Amino acid sequence: MDLKEIGRAMRQRRVELGVNQRTVAELSGVAVNTLVAIERGEGNPQIATLTSLLDTLGLQLDVKLKVMDYETM
């Protein structure tokens, strides 16, 4: 999952919840411009910023083992 996919998931969840970007930003302690950029798949946010936003939206970031190309041969 890349930042564009994370941003899309965050935006979709925010819309489902019926809240605007300003509200999510305020609740998570993140600048509105930062949230806007993340939802667009831009920037290079810190993990703490992402987790704060995701937590506010009721989402989580999972880390799992990646299957490498050479492992499928």
N, C-alpha and C. Protein backbone atom coordinates (compact mmCIF):
# COMPACT_ATOMS: atom_id res chain seq x y z
N MET A 1 0.85 -1.18 0.00
CA MET A 1 0.00 0.00 0.00
C MET A 1 0.89 1.23 0.00
N ASP A 2 0.62 2.15 -0.91
CA ASP A 2 1.42 3.37 -0.97
C ASP A 2 0.64 4.54 -0.37
N LEU A 3 1.27 5.71 -0.35
CA LEU A 3 0.65 6.88 0.29
C LEU A 3 -0.63 7.30 -0.42
N LYS A 4 -0.69 7.13 -1.74
CA LYS A 4 -1.92 7.47 -2.47
C LYS A 4 -3.09 6.60 -2.00
N GLU A 5 -2.85 5.32 -1.82
CA GLU A 5 -3.90 4.41 -1.35
C GLU A 5 -4.32 4.73 0.08
N ILE A 6 -3.35 5.06 0.91
CA ILE A 6 -3.66 5.43 2.29
C ILE A 6 -4.50 6.71 2.30
N GLY A 7 -4.10 7.68 1.50
CA GLY A 7 -4.84 8.93 1.41
C GLY A 7 -6.27 8.72 0.93
N ARG A 8 -6.45 7.87 -0.07
CA ARG A 8 -7.80 7.57 -0.57
C ARG A 8 -8.65 6.90 0.50
N ALA A 9 -8.05 5.97 1.23
CA ALA A 9 -8.79 5.27 2.29
C ALA A 9 -9.19 6.24 3.40
N MET A 10 -8.29 7.16 3.74
CA MET A 10 -8.59 8.15 4.77
C MET A 10 -9.71 9.07 4.32
N ARG A 11 -9.64 9.53 3.08
CA ARG A 11 -10.67 10.43 2.57
C ARG A 11 -12.02 9.72 2.54
N GLN A 12 -12.02 8.49 2.04
CA GLN A 12 -13.27 7.73 1.97
C GLN A 12 -13.89 7.55 3.36
N ARG A 13 -13.09 7.22 4.34
CA ARG A 13 -13.59 7.05 5.70
C ARG A 13 -14.10 8.37 6.27
N ARG A 14 -13.38 9.45 6.01
CA ARG A 14 -13.80 10.75 6.50
C ARG A 14 -15.16 11.13 5.93
N VAL A 15 -15.34 10.89 4.63
CA VAL A 15 -16.61 11.19 3.98
C VAL A 15 -17.72 10.30 4.54
N GLU A 16 -17.41 9.01 4.75
CA GLU A 16 -18.39 8.09 5.34
C GLU A 16 -18.85 8.57 6.71
N LEU A 17 -17.92 9.13 7.47
CA LEU A 17 -18.24 9.63 8.81
C LEU A 17 -18.95 10.98 8.77
N GLY A 18 -18.91 11.64 7.61
CA GLY A 18 -19.58 12.93 7.46
C GLY A 18 -18.87 14.07 8.16
N VAL A 19 -17.55 14.00 8.23
CA VAL A 19 -16.79 15.08 8.86
C VAL A 19 -15.89 15.76 7.83
N ASN A 20 -15.60 17.02 8.07
CA ASN A 20 -14.74 17.74 7.13
C ASN A 20 -13.27 17.62 7.55
N GLN A 21 -12.41 18.09 6.68
CA GLN A 21 -10.96 17.98 6.92
C GLN A 21 -10.54 18.78 8.15
N ARG A 22 -11.14 19.93 8.34
CA ARG A 22 -10.76 20.76 9.49
C ARG A 22 -11.04 20.03 10.80
N THR A 23 -12.19 19.37 10.89
CA THR A 23 -12.54 18.65 12.11
C THR A 23 -11.58 17.51 12.38
N VAL A 24 -11.27 16.73 11.35
CA VAL A 24 -10.33 15.61 11.52
C VAL A 24 -8.97 16.14 11.93
N ALA A 25 -8.53 17.21 11.29
CA ALA A 25 -7.23 17.79 11.61
C ALA A 25 -7.19 18.25 13.06
N GLU A 26 -8.22 18.94 13.50
CA GLU A 26 -8.26 19.43 14.88
C GLU A 26 -8.28 18.29 15.88
N LEU A 27 -9.09 17.27 15.61
CA LEU A 27 -9.18 16.13 16.54
C LEU A 27 -7.89 15.33 16.62
N SER A 28 -7.14 15.30 15.53
CA SER A 28 -5.91 14.52 15.51
C SER A 28 -4.67 15.35 15.85
N GLY A 29 -4.82 16.67 15.94
CA GLY A 29 -3.67 17.52 16.24
C GLY A 29 -2.73 17.70 15.07
N VAL A 30 -3.28 17.62 13.86
CA VAL A 30 -2.48 17.74 12.64
C VAL A 30 -2.97 18.97 11.88
N ALA A 31 -2.08 19.65 11.20
CA ALA A 31 -2.46 20.82 10.41
C ALA A 31 -3.37 20.40 9.25
N VAL A 32 -4.33 21.24 8.93
CA VAL A 32 -5.26 20.95 7.83
C VAL A 32 -4.50 20.74 6.53
N ASN A 33 -3.50 21.57 6.27
CA ASN A 33 -2.72 21.43 5.03
C ASN A 33 -2.03 20.07 4.95
N THR A 34 -1.60 19.55 6.08
CA THR A 34 -0.97 18.23 6.11
C THR A 34 -1.98 17.16 5.75
N LEU A 35 -3.18 17.24 6.32
CA LEU A 35 -4.23 16.27 6.00
C LEU A 35 -4.59 16.34 4.53
N VAL A 36 -4.75 17.53 4.01
CA VAL A 36 -5.08 17.70 2.59
C VAL A 36 -4.03 17.03 1.72
N ALA A 37 -2.77 17.26 2.02
CA ALA A 37 -1.68 16.67 1.24
C ALA A 37 -1.70 15.15 1.32
N ILE A 38 -1.93 14.61 2.51
CA ILE A 38 -1.95 13.15 2.66
C ILE A 38 -3.11 12.55 1.88
N GLU A 39 -4.28 13.18 1.96
CA GLU A 39 -5.42 12.68 1.20
C GLU A 39 -5.17 12.70 -0.29
N ARG A 40 -4.31 13.59 -0.75
CA ARG A 40 -3.93 13.66 -2.17
C ARG A 40 -2.80 12.70 -2.52
N GLY A 41 -2.24 12.04 -1.49
CA GLY A 41 -1.12 11.13 -1.73
C GLY A 41 0.19 11.86 -1.89
N GLU A 42 0.27 13.06 -1.35
CA GLU A 42 1.47 13.88 -1.49
C GLU A 42 2.20 13.99 -0.16
N GLY A 43 3.41 14.49 -0.24
CA GLY A 43 4.20 14.73 0.96
C GLY A 43 4.90 13.48 1.45
N ASN A 44 5.47 13.61 2.62
CA ASN A 44 6.21 12.52 3.24
C ASN A 44 5.93 12.58 4.74
N PRO A 45 4.69 12.22 5.14
CA PRO A 45 4.31 12.38 6.55
C PRO A 45 5.05 11.42 7.47
N GLN A 46 5.25 11.85 8.69
CA GLN A 46 5.84 10.99 9.70
C GLN A 46 4.81 9.92 10.09
N ILE A 47 5.30 8.78 10.54
CA ILE A 47 4.42 7.70 10.98
C ILE A 47 3.49 8.18 12.09
N ALA A 48 4.00 9.00 13.01
CA ALA A 48 3.18 9.51 14.11
C ALA A 48 2.01 10.34 13.58
N THR A 49 2.25 11.11 12.53
CA THR A 49 1.18 11.91 11.92
C THR A 49 0.12 11.00 11.32
N LEU A 50 0.57 10.01 10.55
CA LEU A 50 -0.37 9.06 9.94
C LEU A 50 -1.18 8.31 10.99
N THR A 51 -0.51 7.81 12.00
CA THR A 51 -1.23 7.03 13.01
C THR A 51 -2.22 7.88 13.78
N SER A 52 -1.90 9.14 14.02
CA SER A 52 -2.84 10.02 14.70
C SER A 52 -4.09 10.25 13.85
N LEU A 53 -3.88 10.51 12.56
CA LEU A 53 -5.02 10.69 11.66
C LEU A 53 -5.84 9.42 11.52
N LEU A 54 -5.15 8.31 11.32
CA LEU A 54 -5.85 7.03 11.16
C LEU A 54 -6.65 6.68 12.41
N ASP A 55 -6.07 6.91 13.57
CA ASP A 55 -6.76 6.63 14.83
C ASP A 55 -8.01 7.49 14.96
N THR A 56 -7.90 8.75 14.62
CA THR A 56 -9.04 9.66 14.67
C THR A 56 -10.17 9.17 13.76
N LEU A 57 -9.80 8.58 12.63
CA LEU A 57 -10.79 8.09 11.67
C LEU A 57 -11.24 6.66 11.94
N GLY A 58 -10.68 6.05 12.98
CA GLY A 58 -11.05 4.66 13.29
C GLY A 58 -10.42 3.66 12.35
N LEU A 59 -9.27 4.01 11.82
CA LEU A 59 -8.52 3.13 10.92
C LEU A 59 -7.20 2.75 11.57
N GLN A 60 -6.54 1.75 11.02
CA GLN A 60 -5.23 1.38 11.53
C GLN A 60 -4.32 0.99 10.38
N LEU A 61 -3.04 1.10 10.61
CA LEU A 61 -2.01 0.74 9.64
C LEU A 61 -1.43 -0.58 10.08
N ASP A 62 -1.47 -1.58 9.21
CA ASP A 62 -0.93 -2.89 9.53
C ASP A 62 0.37 -3.13 8.79
N VAL A 63 1.30 -3.77 9.46
CA VAL A 63 2.57 -4.14 8.85
C VAL A 63 2.58 -5.65 8.73
N LYS A 64 2.89 -6.11 7.53
CA LYS A 64 2.95 -7.55 7.33
C LYS A 64 4.11 -7.89 6.41
N LEU A 65 4.47 -9.13 6.39
CA LEU A 65 5.58 -9.60 5.58
C LEU A 65 5.24 -9.45 4.10
N LYS A 66 6.14 -8.85 3.37
CA LYS A 66 5.96 -8.62 1.95
C LYS A 66 6.50 -9.81 1.17
N VAL A 67 5.75 -10.29 0.22
CA VAL A 67 6.21 -11.37 -0.65
C VAL A 67 7.09 -10.74 -1.72
N MET A 68 8.31 -11.19 -1.77
CA MET A 68 9.27 -10.65 -2.72
C MET A 68 9.17 -11.42 -4.03
N ASP A 69 9.49 -10.76 -5.13
CA ASP A 69 9.40 -11.38 -6.46
C ASP A 69 10.19 -12.69 -6.54
N TYR A 70 11.37 -12.71 -5.95
CA TYR A 70 12.23 -13.90 -6.05
C TYR A 70 11.64 -15.07 -5.25
N GLU A 71 10.72 -14.81 -4.32
CA GLU A 71 10.12 -15.88 -3.54
C GLU A 71 9.01 -16.62 -4.29
N THR A 72 8.54 -16.04 -5.38
CA THR A 72 7.47 -16.67 -6.14
C THR A 72 7.98 -17.49 -7.32
N MET A 73 9.29 -17.55 -7.45
CA MET A 73 9.87 -18.32 -8.58
C MET A 73 10.03 -19.77 -8.22
